[in-house]
Amino acid sequence: MQKFERRKFLAILLVAGLLFAGTFLAACQMGQEEAEDAALSVLAETRLVVGGQSVGVKMDVSGVLVVGLEEIETEDGDRINPGLDAGLQLGDRILEIDGLSVNSPEEVQKAVNARHKRVKMTVKRGDQMLTVSITPVKAAADGRFKIGVWVRDRTAGLGTLTYYDPSSGGFGALGHAITDPDTSDILTVEKGVLLRSSVESVKQGEAGDPGEIRGVFYEADEPIGEMTINTAKGIFGTMTDPAENPFYPEPIPIGTAKEGKAYILCTLEGDTIEQFEIDIAKVNRRRISDVKNMVVKVTDPDLLEKTGGIVQG
């Protein structure tokens, strides 16, 4: 009976966003509840390898993301912020400068310095495509032409694999989006990879601070998967190396959420998966497409001792 309960209540439910997608598209003329019921019928036949493995995530974003705006002191002693004056905002994604694609801070700097004059930028703001004209200024500090913006082109971190689909090679991980730490915007994937990782330490969670898992990547030149989608419900893509789980070596069917005792799998030391007991305190039985559908309480004393509760990663 215990074995059955574990299989039934494993928390694979965070992967629902991706698996529902095809059904929702096919049922676009149906109501919300009808579409979600149809999705559940598809999920009932899906078998997945359970996750819990620690994975490294490296992601290049599309274009460069504006994460800061600053004043530039000119040779005349004036302080000017050309980017702000032109209407750039935090979270904007610069895709092109005068028709040339830019994908790194170095390319932005090179394009601006090569012109020394007004430039036109193609910028994506949310779902909008904009054209922004900016006149660079010469900085007194180093004599270089600048537009007063800080940009980022990539991100990296540690996370937990949610599932692996042996029938397609697909995977889901994290259960939440990768966002820019400065703007909280969901980053658009240009190129992303999964890497093997090892957990080195855990910063314990406290009230108001979820803590985090810390670790290192290894074999960076041999990725184990390619990431293609970054969504509010997690990251998704295809694995080149099949995932294995010692607790559940065979794929198991996806279950529906039920309040009560359940188990989660995660890696808190090295690359060893562990299983811990939790309690599903509340389940939102409708609006499956919402980002959060369960209230979960950590009850396992070993997990509480190691993490203090919920930790990021």
Protein backbone atom coordinates (compact mmCIF):
# COMPACT_ATOMS: atom_id res chain seq x y z
CA MET A 1 0.00 0.00 0.00
CA GLN A 2 2.82 2.36 0.83
CA LYS A 3 4.41 1.79 -2.57
CA PHE A 4 1.11 2.57 -4.26
CA GLU A 5 0.70 5.81 -2.31
CA ARG A 6 4.13 7.00 -3.28
CA ARG A 7 3.53 6.34 -6.94
CA LYS A 8 0.17 8.05 -6.81
CA PHE A 9 1.14 11.22 -5.02
CA LEU A 10 4.57 12.08 -6.38
CA ALA A 11 4.60 15.78 -7.08
CA ILE A 12 5.04 15.78 -10.85
CA LEU A 13 2.14 18.16 -11.20
CA LEU A 14 4.25 21.22 -12.01
CA VAL A 15 4.78 19.90 -15.53
CA ALA A 16 1.16 20.32 -16.46
CA GLY A 17 1.67 23.57 -18.38
CA LEU A 18 3.66 21.98 -21.19
CA LEU A 19 1.69 18.75 -21.41
CA PHE A 20 -1.61 20.60 -21.55
CA ALA A 21 -0.47 22.85 -24.39
CA GLY A 22 -1.39 20.61 -27.32
CA THR A 23 -4.79 19.78 -25.89
CA PHE A 24 -5.61 23.43 -25.21
CA LEU A 25 -4.71 24.38 -28.79
CA ALA A 26 -6.94 21.65 -30.16
CA ALA A 27 -9.73 22.72 -27.85
CA CYS A 28 -9.43 26.47 -28.38
CA GLN A 29 -13.15 26.77 -29.09
CA MET A 30 -14.05 25.00 -25.85
CA GLY A 31 -14.57 26.61 -22.48
CA GLN A 32 -11.87 26.67 -19.80
CA GLU A 33 -13.27 23.72 -17.85
CA GLU A 34 -13.94 21.57 -20.90
CA ALA A 35 -10.41 22.12 -22.22
CA GLU A 36 -8.84 21.24 -18.88
CA ASP A 37 -10.96 18.08 -18.59
CA ALA A 38 -9.77 17.05 -22.05
CA ALA A 39 -6.18 17.70 -20.98
CA LEU A 40 -6.58 15.46 -17.95
CA SER A 41 -7.67 12.58 -20.14
CA VAL A 42 -4.44 12.95 -22.13
CA LEU A 43 -2.33 13.13 -18.98
CA ALA A 44 -3.88 9.93 -17.62
CA GLU A 45 -2.12 7.97 -20.38
CA THR A 46 1.27 9.70 -20.01
CA ARG A 47 4.14 7.93 -18.23
CA LEU A 48 7.25 9.82 -17.16
CA VAL A 49 10.53 9.20 -15.40
CA VAL A 50 10.44 11.08 -12.10
CA GLY A 51 12.98 13.86 -11.63
CA GLY A 52 14.73 15.10 -8.50
CA GLN A 53 18.20 15.39 -10.05
CA SER A 54 20.15 18.61 -9.62
CA VAL A 55 20.91 20.22 -12.98
CA GLY A 56 22.84 23.27 -14.07
CA VAL A 57 21.09 25.69 -16.43
CA LYS A 58 22.91 28.08 -18.76
CA MET A 59 20.82 30.31 -20.99
CA ASP A 60 21.55 32.96 -23.59
CA VAL A 61 18.70 35.44 -24.01
CA SER A 62 17.41 36.82 -27.29
CA GLY A 63 19.07 40.19 -27.86
CA VAL A 64 20.35 41.96 -24.73
CA LEU A 65 18.21 42.85 -21.74
CA VAL A 66 18.24 46.37 -20.27
CA VAL A 67 18.84 45.89 -16.53
CA GLY A 68 19.98 49.39 -15.58
CA LEU A 69 20.05 53.04 -16.70
CA GLU A 70 22.75 55.46 -15.57
CA GLU A 71 23.88 59.05 -16.15
CA ILE A 72 27.05 59.63 -18.18
CA GLU A 73 29.33 62.54 -17.29
CA THR A 74 30.43 64.20 -20.53
CA GLU A 75 33.66 66.09 -21.26
CA ASP A 76 31.67 69.33 -20.82
CA GLY A 77 30.76 68.34 -17.25
CA ASP A 78 27.12 67.62 -18.04
CA ARG A 79 25.41 64.49 -16.70
CA ILE A 80 23.17 62.87 -19.31
CA ASN A 81 21.27 59.59 -19.56
CA PRO A 82 20.69 59.10 -23.32
CA GLY A 83 18.86 55.79 -22.88
CA LEU A 84 16.38 57.18 -20.37
CA ASP A 85 15.87 60.36 -22.41
CA ALA A 86 15.09 58.24 -25.48
CA GLY A 87 12.45 56.27 -23.58
CA LEU A 88 14.25 52.99 -22.85
CA GLN A 89 12.90 51.12 -19.83
CA LEU A 90 14.18 48.37 -17.54
CA GLY A 91 13.20 45.04 -19.05
CA ASP A 92 13.42 46.23 -22.66
CA ARG A 93 15.22 43.82 -24.97
CA ILE A 94 17.51 45.44 -27.56
CA LEU A 95 17.50 43.26 -30.69
CA GLU A 96 19.14 45.44 -33.35
CA ILE A 97 21.17 48.63 -33.69
CA ASP A 98 20.90 50.29 -37.11
CA GLY A 99 19.71 47.00 -38.56
CA LEU A 100 22.51 44.87 -37.09
CA SER A 101 21.62 42.13 -34.60
CA VAL A 102 23.21 42.47 -31.16
CA ASN A 103 23.49 39.56 -28.74
CA SER A 104 26.04 40.67 -26.16
CA PRO A 105 27.06 43.80 -24.23
CA GLU A 106 30.27 43.87 -26.28
CA GLU A 107 28.30 44.02 -29.54
CA VAL A 108 26.16 46.88 -28.21
CA GLN A 109 29.25 48.82 -27.15
CA LYS A 110 30.98 48.19 -30.48
CA ALA A 111 27.93 49.28 -32.51
CA VAL A 112 27.52 52.50 -30.50
CA ASN A 113 31.22 53.43 -30.67
CA ALA A 114 31.44 52.69 -34.38
CA ARG A 115 28.83 55.35 -35.21
CA HIS A 116 29.41 58.25 -32.81
CA LYS A 117 26.02 59.53 -33.88
CA ARG A 118 22.30 58.96 -33.48
CA VAL A 119 21.43 55.27 -33.71
CA LYS A 120 18.14 53.47 -34.21
CA MET A 121 17.41 50.48 -32.01
CA THR A 122 14.85 47.76 -32.52
CA VAL A 123 13.49 47.05 -29.05
CA LYS A 124 11.05 44.44 -27.77
CA ARG A 125 8.95 45.57 -24.80
CA GLY A 126 6.60 42.83 -23.68
CA ASP A 127 4.72 41.86 -26.85
CA GLN A 128 5.48 45.19 -28.58
CA MET A 129 8.21 45.88 -31.13
CA LEU A 130 9.49 49.46 -30.94
CA THR A 131 12.04 51.65 -32.72
CA VAL A 132 14.01 53.89 -30.37
CA SER A 133 16.45 56.60 -31.52
CA ILE A 134 19.36 57.42 -29.19
CA THR A 135 22.25 59.86 -29.49
CA PRO A 136 25.36 58.52 -27.69
CA VAL A 137 27.50 60.89 -25.63
CA LYS A 138 31.28 60.85 -25.09
CA ALA A 139 32.13 59.90 -21.52
CA ALA A 140 34.72 62.01 -19.71
CA ALA A 141 36.00 58.98 -17.80
CA ASP A 142 37.31 56.96 -20.74
CA GLY A 143 36.54 58.92 -23.92
CA ARG A 144 34.14 56.26 -25.20
CA PHE A 145 30.69 56.89 -26.62
CA LYS A 146 27.91 55.53 -24.41
CA ILE A 147 24.11 55.44 -24.20
CA GLY A 148 23.78 55.02 -20.42
CA VAL A 149 22.39 51.49 -20.23
CA TRP A 150 23.47 48.32 -18.48
CA VAL A 151 22.59 45.17 -20.40
CA ARG A 152 22.78 41.42 -19.81
CA ASP A 153 22.87 38.64 -22.40
CA ARG A 154 22.92 35.43 -20.38
CA THR A 155 22.09 33.81 -17.09
CA ALA A 156 23.04 30.65 -15.23
CA GLY A 157 21.91 28.81 -12.13
CA LEU A 158 21.07 25.56 -10.41
CA GLY A 159 17.70 23.82 -10.48
CA THR A 160 15.89 20.49 -10.11
CA LEU A 161 14.69 18.25 -12.92
CA THR A 162 10.94 17.65 -12.71
CA TYR A 163 10.50 14.86 -15.25
CA TYR A 164 11.95 13.10 -18.27
CA ASP A 165 9.71 11.72 -21.03
CA PRO A 166 11.36 8.58 -22.49
CA SER A 167 8.94 8.49 -25.42
CA SER A 168 10.01 11.88 -26.76
CA GLY A 169 13.22 12.75 -24.92
CA GLY A 170 11.51 15.84 -23.51
CA PHE A 171 12.11 17.23 -20.04
CA GLY A 172 10.65 19.76 -17.65
CA ALA A 173 12.51 21.44 -14.79
CA LEU A 174 12.29 24.13 -12.09
CA GLY A 175 8.48 24.50 -12.02
CA HIS A 176 8.85 28.27 -12.38
CA ALA A 177 10.29 30.74 -14.87
CA ILE A 178 13.86 31.97 -15.10
CA THR A 179 13.51 35.70 -14.60
CA ASP A 180 15.91 38.60 -14.66
CA PRO A 181 16.93 39.36 -11.07
CA ASP A 182 16.78 43.11 -11.66
CA THR A 183 13.52 43.41 -13.62
CA SER A 184 11.67 40.15 -12.73
CA ASP A 185 10.83 39.73 -16.43
CA ILE A 186 10.66 36.21 -17.85
CA LEU A 187 13.72 35.81 -20.07
CA THR A 188 13.28 34.73 -23.70
CA VAL A 189 15.52 31.80 -24.64
CA GLU A 190 17.98 32.29 -27.49
CA LYS A 191 20.00 29.22 -26.57
CA GLY A 192 20.01 27.16 -23.40
CA VAL A 193 21.60 23.95 -22.14
CA LEU A 194 21.31 21.58 -19.18
CA LEU A 195 24.54 20.53 -17.48
CA ARG A 196 25.51 17.99 -14.86
CA SER A 197 25.88 19.60 -11.47
CA SER A 198 26.84 18.88 -7.90
CA VAL A 199 25.22 20.47 -4.85
CA GLU A 200 27.87 21.93 -2.55
CA SER A 201 25.76 23.59 0.15
CA VAL A 202 22.25 24.67 1.14
CA LYS A 203 21.42 28.10 2.52
CA GLN A 204 18.56 27.44 4.92
CA GLY A 205 15.23 29.14 4.37
CA GLU A 206 13.83 31.55 6.95
CA ALA A 207 10.65 33.59 7.30
CA GLY A 208 10.54 35.88 4.26
CA ASP A 209 13.65 34.25 2.74
CA PRO A 210 13.26 30.93 0.88
CA GLY A 211 16.98 30.16 0.99
CA GLU A 212 18.73 28.44 -1.92
CA ILE A 213 20.68 25.43 -3.12
CA ARG A 214 24.25 26.21 -4.15
CA GLY A 215 26.45 24.07 -6.35
CA VAL A 216 28.78 23.80 -9.30
CA PHE A 217 28.52 22.72 -12.94
CA TYR A 218 30.85 20.17 -14.45
CA GLU A 219 31.48 18.79 -17.94
CA ALA A 220 30.28 22.12 -19.33
CA ASP A 221 31.41 21.10 -22.80
CA GLU A 222 29.15 18.05 -22.70
CA PRO A 223 25.57 19.26 -22.03
CA ILE A 224 22.94 16.67 -21.17
CA GLY A 225 20.05 18.56 -22.71
CA GLU A 226 18.90 21.52 -24.79
CA MET A 227 16.49 24.05 -23.32
CA THR A 228 14.01 25.61 -25.74
CA ILE A 229 11.19 27.14 -23.68
CA ASN A 230 11.16 29.28 -20.52
CA THR A 231 7.67 29.73 -19.06
CA ALA A 232 5.95 30.66 -15.82
CA LYS A 233 5.55 26.91 -15.14
CA GLY A 234 9.13 25.90 -15.76
CA ILE A 235 11.74 25.32 -18.43
CA PHE A 236 11.33 22.66 -21.12
CA GLY A 237 13.37 21.08 -23.86
CA THR A 238 15.01 17.82 -24.97
CA MET A 239 17.57 15.69 -23.14
CA THR A 240 20.44 14.06 -25.02
CA ASP A 241 21.16 11.71 -22.10
CA PRO A 242 18.20 9.76 -20.63
CA ALA A 243 17.47 10.62 -17.00
CA GLU A 244 17.41 7.85 -14.40
CA ASN A 245 15.92 7.73 -10.92
CA PRO A 246 16.88 5.02 -8.39
CA PHE A 247 13.60 5.39 -6.48
CA TYR A 248 11.46 4.90 -9.58
CA PRO A 249 13.55 3.25 -12.32
CA GLU A 250 10.53 2.72 -14.56
CA PRO A 251 8.26 5.48 -15.97
CA ILE A 252 5.13 5.99 -13.88
CA PRO A 253 1.72 7.47 -14.78
CA ILE A 254 0.94 11.07 -13.90
CA GLY A 255 -1.61 11.36 -11.11
CA THR A 256 -4.01 14.09 -10.07
CA ALA A 257 -3.41 16.05 -6.89
CA LYS A 258 -4.92 14.86 -3.64
CA GLU A 259 -4.71 16.45 -0.21
CA GLY A 260 -2.69 14.49 2.32
CA LYS A 261 0.69 12.81 2.62
CA ALA A 262 2.95 12.96 -0.42
CA TYR A 263 6.64 12.74 -1.32
CA ILE A 264 9.08 14.99 -3.10
CA LEU A 265 12.45 14.07 -4.59
CA CYS A 266 15.41 16.45 -4.67
CA THR A 267 19.20 16.61 -4.41
CA LEU A 268 20.70 18.36 -1.40
CA GLU A 269 24.24 16.96 -1.43
CA GLY A 270 26.48 16.00 -4.34
CA ASP A 271 24.45 14.30 -7.05
CA THR A 272 22.41 11.93 -4.83
CA ILE A 273 18.60 12.05 -5.08
CA GLU A 274 16.72 11.83 -1.76
CA GLN A 275 13.03 11.35 -0.99
CA PHE A 276 11.21 13.39 1.67
CA GLU A 277 7.71 13.45 3.09
CA ILE A 278 5.46 16.49 2.71
CA ASP A 279 1.78 17.29 3.23
CA ILE A 280 -0.42 18.67 0.46
CA ALA A 281 -2.54 21.01 2.57
CA LYS A 282 -4.79 22.39 -0.16
CA VAL A 283 -5.50 21.72 -3.82
CA ASN A 284 -7.12 24.11 -6.27
CA ARG A 285 -9.17 21.62 -8.29
CA ARG A 286 -10.07 24.04 -11.03
CA ARG A 287 -8.02 26.48 -13.05
CA ILE A 288 -5.35 23.85 -13.70
CA SER A 289 -3.73 26.32 -16.09
CA ASP A 290 -2.90 28.64 -13.16
CA VAL A 291 0.71 28.81 -12.04
CA LYS A 292 0.07 27.74 -8.44
CA ASN A 293 -2.39 24.96 -7.65
CA MET A 294 -1.27 23.50 -4.34
CA VAL A 295 -0.34 24.58 -0.84
CA VAL A 296 2.45 22.28 0.35
CA LYS A 297 3.80 21.92 3.90
CA VAL A 298 7.21 20.35 4.50
CA THR A 299 6.85 17.77 7.31
CA ASP A 300 9.93 15.58 6.93
CA PRO A 301 12.25 16.29 9.92
CA ASP A 302 15.38 15.48 7.90
CA LEU A 303 14.42 17.93 5.16
CA LEU A 304 13.52 20.62 7.70
CA GLU A 305 16.88 20.15 9.42
CA LYS A 306 18.78 20.43 6.15
CA THR A 307 16.87 23.28 4.51
CA GLY A 308 14.64 24.96 7.09
CA GLY A 309 11.67 24.43 4.74
CA ILE A 310 11.37 25.63 1.14
CA VAL A 311 14.54 26.55 -0.75
CA GLN A 312 15.13 27.91 -4.23
CA GLY A 313 16.54 25.40 -6.70
